[in-house]
N, C-alpha and C. Protein backbone atom coordinates (compact mmCIF):
# COMPACT_ATOMS: atom_id res chain seq x y z
N MET A 1 0.81 -1.18 0.00
CA MET A 1 0.00 0.00 0.00
C MET A 1 0.86 1.25 0.00
N ARG A 2 1.92 1.21 0.74
CA ARG A 2 2.78 2.37 0.86
C ARG A 2 3.48 2.68 -0.46
N LYS A 3 3.88 1.65 -1.21
CA LYS A 3 4.56 1.83 -2.48
C LYS A 3 3.61 2.46 -3.51
N SER A 4 2.37 1.99 -3.56
CA SER A 4 1.41 2.56 -4.52
C SER A 4 1.08 4.00 -4.16
N HIS A 5 1.08 4.35 -2.91
CA HIS A 5 0.83 5.73 -2.48
C HIS A 5 1.95 6.64 -2.99
N LYS A 6 3.20 6.16 -2.91
CA LYS A 6 4.35 6.95 -3.39
C LYS A 6 4.27 7.15 -4.90
N ILE A 7 3.89 6.11 -5.61
CA ILE A 7 3.77 6.21 -7.07
C ILE A 7 2.67 7.19 -7.44
N LEU A 8 1.54 7.10 -6.78
CA LEU A 8 0.42 8.01 -7.03
C LEU A 8 0.82 9.46 -6.75
N THR A 9 1.56 9.68 -5.67
CA THR A 9 2.03 11.03 -5.33
C THR A 9 2.99 11.54 -6.39
N ALA A 10 3.90 10.69 -6.84
CA ALA A 10 4.87 11.09 -7.88
C ALA A 10 4.17 11.46 -9.17
N VAL A 11 3.16 10.69 -9.56
CA VAL A 11 2.40 10.98 -10.78
C VAL A 11 1.65 12.30 -10.63
N ALA A 12 1.06 12.55 -9.48
CA ALA A 12 0.33 13.79 -9.24
C ALA A 12 1.27 14.99 -9.30
N VAL A 13 2.44 14.88 -8.68
CA VAL A 13 3.42 15.98 -8.71
C VAL A 13 3.88 16.23 -10.14
N ALA A 14 4.15 15.18 -10.90
CA ALA A 14 4.57 15.34 -12.30
C ALA A 14 3.49 16.05 -13.11
N GLY A 15 2.23 15.71 -12.87
CA GLY A 15 1.12 16.37 -13.57
C GLY A 15 1.04 17.84 -13.23
N ILE A 16 1.25 18.18 -11.97
CA ILE A 16 1.23 19.59 -11.56
C ILE A 16 2.37 20.36 -12.21
N VAL A 17 3.56 19.77 -12.21
CA VAL A 17 4.72 20.43 -12.83
C VAL A 17 4.47 20.62 -14.32
N PHE A 18 3.93 19.62 -15.00
CA PHE A 18 3.64 19.74 -16.43
C PHE A 18 2.62 20.84 -16.68
N ALA A 19 1.54 20.86 -15.92
CA ALA A 19 0.50 21.87 -16.11
C ALA A 19 1.03 23.26 -15.80
N GLY A 20 1.81 23.38 -14.75
CA GLY A 20 2.39 24.68 -14.42
C GLY A 20 3.37 25.15 -15.46
N GLY A 21 4.19 24.24 -15.98
CA GLY A 21 5.16 24.60 -17.01
C GLY A 21 4.50 25.06 -18.29
N SER A 22 3.39 24.44 -18.66
CA SER A 22 2.72 24.84 -19.90
C SER A 22 2.10 26.22 -19.77
N ALA A 23 1.77 26.65 -18.57
CA ALA A 23 1.20 27.98 -18.38
C ALA A 23 2.22 29.06 -18.66
N PHE A 24 3.50 28.75 -18.53
CA PHE A 24 4.54 29.75 -18.74
C PHE A 24 5.10 29.75 -20.16
N THR A 25 4.62 28.87 -21.01
CA THR A 25 5.15 28.81 -22.36
C THR A 25 4.07 29.11 -23.39
N GLY A 26 3.11 29.93 -23.03
CA GLY A 26 2.01 30.25 -23.93
C GLY A 26 2.47 31.03 -25.15
N THR A 27 1.68 31.01 -26.20
CA THR A 27 1.99 31.71 -27.43
C THR A 27 2.15 33.20 -27.18
N GLY A 28 3.19 33.78 -27.78
CA GLY A 28 3.40 35.21 -27.68
C GLY A 28 4.29 35.63 -26.53
N LEU A 29 4.63 34.73 -25.63
CA LEU A 29 5.50 35.08 -24.51
C LEU A 29 6.94 34.88 -24.91
N SER A 30 7.70 35.94 -24.89
CA SER A 30 9.11 35.86 -25.23
C SER A 30 9.92 35.61 -23.97
N THR A 31 10.65 34.52 -23.92
CA THR A 31 11.44 34.22 -22.74
C THR A 31 12.81 34.89 -22.78
N THR A 32 13.17 35.51 -23.90
CA THR A 32 14.47 36.15 -24.00
C THR A 32 14.41 37.63 -23.65
N ALA A 33 13.25 38.24 -23.63
CA ALA A 33 13.13 39.66 -23.31
C ALA A 33 13.26 39.85 -21.81
N GLY A 34 13.87 40.96 -21.43
CA GLY A 34 13.97 41.29 -20.02
C GLY A 34 12.60 41.53 -19.43
N GLU A 35 12.51 41.45 -18.11
CA GLU A 35 11.22 41.59 -17.44
C GLU A 35 10.56 42.92 -17.76
N THR A 36 11.34 44.01 -17.88
CA THR A 36 10.74 45.32 -18.13
C THR A 36 10.27 45.46 -19.56
N GLN A 37 10.60 44.51 -20.45
CA GLN A 37 10.18 44.59 -21.83
C GLN A 37 8.91 43.80 -22.10
N PHE A 38 8.41 43.07 -21.15
CA PHE A 38 7.20 42.29 -21.37
C PHE A 38 6.00 43.23 -21.31
N ILE A 39 5.30 43.34 -22.42
CA ILE A 39 4.15 44.24 -22.47
C ILE A 39 2.92 43.49 -22.96
N GLY A 40 2.75 42.31 -22.46
CA GLY A 40 1.57 41.53 -22.80
C GLY A 40 1.75 40.67 -24.03
N GLY A 41 2.95 40.57 -24.55
CA GLY A 41 3.23 39.77 -25.72
C GLY A 41 4.62 40.04 -26.23
N GLN A 42 4.91 39.56 -27.38
CA GLN A 42 6.24 39.73 -27.95
C GLN A 42 6.25 40.95 -28.86
N VAL A 43 7.33 41.74 -28.78
CA VAL A 43 7.49 42.91 -29.63
C VAL A 43 8.68 42.66 -30.54
N SER A 44 8.47 42.79 -31.86
CA SER A 44 9.56 42.65 -32.82
C SER A 44 10.20 44.01 -33.02
N GLN A 45 11.52 44.06 -33.00
CA GLN A 45 12.24 45.30 -33.19
C GLN A 45 13.13 45.19 -34.43
N GLN A 46 13.06 46.21 -35.27
CA GLN A 46 13.86 46.26 -36.49
C GLN A 46 14.64 47.56 -36.46
N VAL A 47 15.95 47.49 -36.75
CA VAL A 47 16.81 48.67 -36.67
C VAL A 47 17.52 48.90 -37.99
N THR A 48 17.58 50.17 -38.40
CA THR A 48 18.31 50.57 -39.61
C THR A 48 19.28 51.67 -39.22
N GLY A 49 20.55 51.55 -39.61
CA GLY A 49 21.53 52.61 -39.42
C GLY A 49 22.32 52.54 -38.13
N ALA A 50 22.13 51.53 -37.32
CA ALA A 50 22.87 51.40 -36.06
C ALA A 50 22.74 49.97 -35.54
N THR A 51 23.52 49.66 -34.52
CA THR A 51 23.41 48.38 -33.84
C THR A 51 22.72 48.62 -32.51
N LEU A 52 21.56 48.03 -32.35
CA LEU A 52 20.77 48.21 -31.14
C LEU A 52 21.29 47.26 -30.06
N ALA A 53 21.63 47.83 -28.89
CA ALA A 53 22.11 47.02 -27.77
C ALA A 53 20.94 46.62 -26.87
N THR A 54 20.10 47.59 -26.47
CA THR A 54 18.96 47.27 -25.60
C THR A 54 17.79 48.20 -25.89
N VAL A 55 16.61 47.72 -25.57
CA VAL A 55 15.38 48.52 -25.60
C VAL A 55 14.73 48.35 -24.24
N ASP A 56 14.34 49.46 -23.64
CA ASP A 56 13.69 49.41 -22.33
C ASP A 56 12.46 50.29 -22.38
N TYR A 57 11.33 49.76 -21.95
CA TYR A 57 10.06 50.49 -21.99
C TYR A 57 9.69 51.00 -20.60
N ASP A 58 9.22 52.25 -20.53
CA ASP A 58 8.63 52.79 -19.30
C ASP A 58 7.12 52.78 -19.48
N PHE A 59 6.42 52.50 -18.39
CA PHE A 59 4.97 52.32 -18.46
C PHE A 59 4.23 53.33 -17.59
N THR A 60 2.98 53.59 -17.93
CA THR A 60 2.16 54.50 -17.16
C THR A 60 1.38 53.78 -16.06
N ASN A 61 1.44 52.44 -16.07
CA ASN A 61 0.68 51.67 -15.09
C ASN A 61 1.46 50.45 -14.64
N THR A 62 1.07 49.88 -13.51
CA THR A 62 1.79 48.73 -12.96
C THR A 62 1.56 47.44 -13.74
N THR A 63 0.52 47.39 -14.55
CA THR A 63 0.26 46.19 -15.35
C THR A 63 1.08 46.18 -16.63
N GLN A 64 1.89 47.19 -16.85
CA GLN A 64 2.79 47.31 -18.00
C GLN A 64 2.07 47.14 -19.33
N GLU A 65 0.97 47.84 -19.50
CA GLU A 65 0.19 47.77 -20.73
C GLU A 65 0.25 49.06 -21.53
N SER A 66 0.65 50.16 -20.91
CA SER A 66 0.60 51.47 -21.55
C SER A 66 1.99 52.11 -21.51
N ILE A 67 2.65 52.21 -22.68
CA ILE A 67 4.03 52.68 -22.77
C ILE A 67 4.04 54.20 -22.93
N ASN A 68 4.86 54.88 -22.12
CA ASN A 68 4.99 56.33 -22.28
C ASN A 68 6.41 56.77 -22.60
N LYS A 69 7.36 55.83 -22.62
CA LYS A 69 8.74 56.18 -22.96
C LYS A 69 9.48 54.92 -23.43
N ILE A 70 10.33 55.09 -24.44
CA ILE A 70 11.17 53.99 -24.93
C ILE A 70 12.62 54.46 -24.83
N ASN A 71 13.43 53.71 -24.10
CA ASN A 71 14.84 54.04 -23.94
C ASN A 71 15.66 53.09 -24.82
N LEU A 72 16.44 53.66 -25.72
CA LEU A 72 17.23 52.88 -26.66
C LEU A 72 18.72 53.02 -26.34
N SER A 73 19.44 51.91 -26.39
CA SER A 73 20.90 51.92 -26.24
C SER A 73 21.51 51.32 -27.50
N PHE A 74 22.54 51.97 -28.01
CA PHE A 74 23.19 51.52 -29.23
C PHE A 74 24.64 51.15 -28.95
N ALA A 75 25.26 50.46 -29.90
CA ALA A 75 26.67 50.11 -29.81
C ALA A 75 27.44 50.94 -30.84
N ASN A 76 28.40 51.71 -30.39
CA ASN A 76 29.31 52.46 -31.27
C ASN A 76 28.57 53.33 -32.29
N THR A 77 27.63 54.13 -31.83
CA THR A 77 26.87 55.01 -32.71
C THR A 77 27.28 56.45 -32.44
N GLU A 78 27.54 57.16 -33.50
CA GLU A 78 28.02 58.54 -33.42
C GLU A 78 26.99 59.46 -32.75
N ASP A 79 27.47 60.34 -31.88
CA ASP A 79 26.60 61.33 -31.24
C ASP A 79 25.98 62.26 -32.27
N GLY A 80 24.78 62.73 -31.98
CA GLY A 80 24.09 63.69 -32.84
C GLY A 80 23.24 63.08 -33.93
N LYS A 81 23.30 61.77 -34.11
CA LYS A 81 22.47 61.12 -35.14
C LYS A 81 21.01 61.17 -34.73
N PRO A 82 20.11 61.56 -35.64
CA PRO A 82 18.68 61.57 -35.31
C PRO A 82 18.12 60.15 -35.23
N VAL A 83 17.11 59.97 -34.39
CA VAL A 83 16.47 58.67 -34.20
C VAL A 83 14.97 58.83 -34.43
N VAL A 84 14.40 57.91 -35.20
CA VAL A 84 12.95 57.90 -35.45
C VAL A 84 12.46 56.49 -35.17
N VAL A 85 11.36 56.37 -34.41
CA VAL A 85 10.73 55.07 -34.19
C VAL A 85 9.33 55.10 -34.79
N THR A 86 8.97 53.98 -35.41
CA THR A 86 7.65 53.81 -35.99
C THR A 86 7.03 52.58 -35.34
N THR A 87 5.85 52.75 -34.78
CA THR A 87 5.17 51.66 -34.08
C THR A 87 4.31 50.85 -35.03
N THR A 88 4.11 49.58 -34.67
CA THR A 88 3.23 48.68 -35.41
C THR A 88 2.27 48.05 -34.42
N GLY A 89 1.02 47.94 -34.82
CA GLY A 89 0.01 47.35 -33.95
C GLY A 89 -0.37 48.30 -32.84
N GLY A 90 -1.41 47.98 -32.15
CA GLY A 90 -1.82 48.77 -31.01
C GLY A 90 -2.45 50.10 -31.35
N ALA A 91 -2.51 50.95 -30.34
CA ALA A 91 -3.17 52.24 -30.49
C ALA A 91 -2.51 53.27 -29.60
N GLY A 92 -2.59 54.50 -30.04
CA GLY A 92 -2.04 55.61 -29.26
C GLY A 92 -1.41 56.62 -30.18
N GLY A 93 -0.70 57.53 -29.61
CA GLY A 93 -0.05 58.59 -30.37
C GLY A 93 1.24 58.11 -31.03
N THR A 94 2.24 58.96 -30.98
CA THR A 94 3.53 58.65 -31.59
C THR A 94 4.62 58.83 -30.54
N PHE A 95 5.84 58.52 -30.94
CA PHE A 95 7.00 58.72 -30.06
C PHE A 95 7.97 59.67 -30.75
N THR A 96 8.48 60.63 -29.98
CA THR A 96 9.48 61.57 -30.48
C THR A 96 10.78 61.26 -29.77
N CYS A 97 11.84 61.04 -30.56
CA CYS A 97 13.12 60.62 -29.99
C CYS A 97 14.15 61.74 -30.06
N GLY A 98 15.02 61.76 -29.07
CA GLY A 98 16.15 62.67 -29.08
C GLY A 98 17.28 62.09 -29.91
N ASN A 99 18.20 62.95 -30.32
CA ASN A 99 19.37 62.49 -31.06
C ASN A 99 20.23 61.59 -30.17
N VAL A 100 21.05 60.77 -30.79
CA VAL A 100 21.94 59.87 -30.06
C VAL A 100 22.96 60.69 -29.26
N VAL A 101 23.07 60.40 -27.97
CA VAL A 101 24.08 60.98 -27.09
C VAL A 101 24.63 59.85 -26.25
N ALA A 102 25.95 59.64 -26.32
CA ALA A 102 26.61 58.57 -25.55
C ALA A 102 25.94 57.22 -25.80
N ASN A 103 25.67 56.92 -27.08
CA ASN A 103 25.07 55.64 -27.50
C ASN A 103 23.66 55.42 -26.96
N ALA A 104 22.91 56.48 -26.69
CA ALA A 104 21.56 56.32 -26.17
C ALA A 104 20.62 57.37 -26.75
N SER A 105 19.34 57.03 -26.77
CA SER A 105 18.29 57.96 -27.18
C SER A 105 17.03 57.61 -26.40
N ALA A 106 16.31 58.64 -25.95
CA ALA A 106 15.04 58.44 -25.25
C ALA A 106 13.91 58.93 -26.15
N CYS A 107 12.87 58.12 -26.27
CA CYS A 107 11.71 58.44 -27.10
C CYS A 107 10.51 58.63 -26.19
N THR A 108 9.92 59.82 -26.22
CA THR A 108 8.79 60.11 -25.35
C THR A 108 7.49 60.07 -26.12
N PHE A 109 6.45 59.68 -25.43
CA PHE A 109 5.12 59.52 -26.02
C PHE A 109 4.48 60.88 -26.26
N ALA A 110 3.92 61.05 -27.45
CA ALA A 110 3.17 62.26 -27.81
C ALA A 110 1.75 61.82 -28.15
N PRO A 111 0.79 62.09 -27.27
CA PRO A 111 -0.59 61.63 -27.50
C PRO A 111 -1.26 62.37 -28.66
N THR A 112 -2.19 61.66 -29.33
CA THR A 112 -2.97 62.31 -30.39
C THR A 112 -4.26 62.88 -29.83
N THR A 113 -4.75 62.30 -28.73
CA THR A 113 -5.96 62.83 -28.08
C THR A 113 -5.72 62.83 -26.57
N THR A 114 -6.42 62.02 -25.84
CA THR A 114 -6.29 62.01 -24.38
C THR A 114 -5.54 60.80 -23.84
N GLU A 115 -4.83 60.06 -24.70
CA GLU A 115 -4.11 58.86 -24.24
C GLU A 115 -2.99 59.27 -23.28
N THR A 116 -2.67 58.35 -22.39
CA THR A 116 -1.52 58.56 -21.51
C THR A 116 -0.35 57.70 -21.91
N GLY A 117 -0.57 56.78 -22.85
CA GLY A 117 0.49 55.90 -23.31
C GLY A 117 0.03 55.09 -24.51
N TYR A 118 0.97 54.38 -25.10
CA TYR A 118 0.71 53.54 -26.27
C TYR A 118 0.39 52.13 -25.79
N THR A 119 -0.69 51.54 -26.28
CA THR A 119 -1.08 50.20 -25.85
C THR A 119 -1.09 49.23 -27.03
N GLY A 120 -0.81 47.96 -26.76
CA GLY A 120 -0.90 46.91 -27.77
C GLY A 120 0.24 46.89 -28.77
N LEU A 121 1.38 47.43 -28.44
CA LEU A 121 2.53 47.48 -29.35
C LEU A 121 2.96 46.06 -29.74
N THR A 122 3.11 45.81 -31.05
CA THR A 122 3.59 44.50 -31.51
C THR A 122 4.90 44.61 -32.29
N GLY A 123 5.21 45.80 -32.79
CA GLY A 123 6.44 45.97 -33.56
C GLY A 123 6.98 47.38 -33.42
N LEU A 124 8.30 47.50 -33.52
CA LEU A 124 8.96 48.79 -33.41
C LEU A 124 10.06 48.86 -34.46
N SER A 125 9.98 49.84 -35.34
CA SER A 125 10.99 50.06 -36.36
C SER A 125 11.80 51.27 -35.94
N ILE A 126 13.11 51.10 -35.82
CA ILE A 126 14.00 52.16 -35.34
C ILE A 126 14.97 52.53 -36.46
N THR A 127 14.99 53.82 -36.81
CA THR A 127 15.90 54.32 -37.84
C THR A 127 16.83 55.34 -37.23
N VAL A 128 18.14 55.16 -37.45
CA VAL A 128 19.15 56.07 -36.93
C VAL A 128 19.94 56.61 -38.11
N GLY A 129 20.08 57.92 -38.18
CA GLY A 129 20.87 58.50 -39.26
C GLY A 129 20.28 59.80 -39.74
N GLU A 130 20.71 60.18 -40.91
CA GLU A 130 20.26 61.45 -41.49
C GLU A 130 18.80 61.37 -41.88
N LEU A 131 18.06 62.42 -41.54
CA LEU A 131 16.67 62.50 -41.95
C LEU A 131 16.60 63.13 -43.33
N ASP A 132 15.63 62.71 -44.13
CA ASP A 132 15.45 63.29 -45.46
C ASP A 132 14.98 64.72 -45.34
N ALA A 133 15.56 65.61 -46.11
CA ALA A 133 15.12 66.99 -46.12
C ALA A 133 13.87 67.09 -46.99
N ALA A 134 12.82 67.64 -46.42
CA ALA A 134 11.55 67.73 -47.17
C ALA A 134 11.35 69.12 -47.70
């Protein structure tokens, strides 16, 4: 009786571990992004004109759903280069970025109406370099 009880307990524990593990590997969850970059799903980042070292998002709420600032770090990028980010997916205003200084640029949220942040971001296109003269 004691041996069958141990086997039953082992099977139950294995089932709990399996069920718990599957909850953490759901579709859209990126396990390589830092904790501060998780915004309810995976965000694809594309960079032109520089080597992106890190992306860090600041949020307007504790549930990390509404982005109000994007901090970019680059590798070996010349100071003074303009930075433009274009968002994909989601809703909200736009982001205005400062020029590269010491391999970094901060992009602040500019609302189009009464938003306090950008929600539902799925992609971010980052361009570093000369802007076209219009």
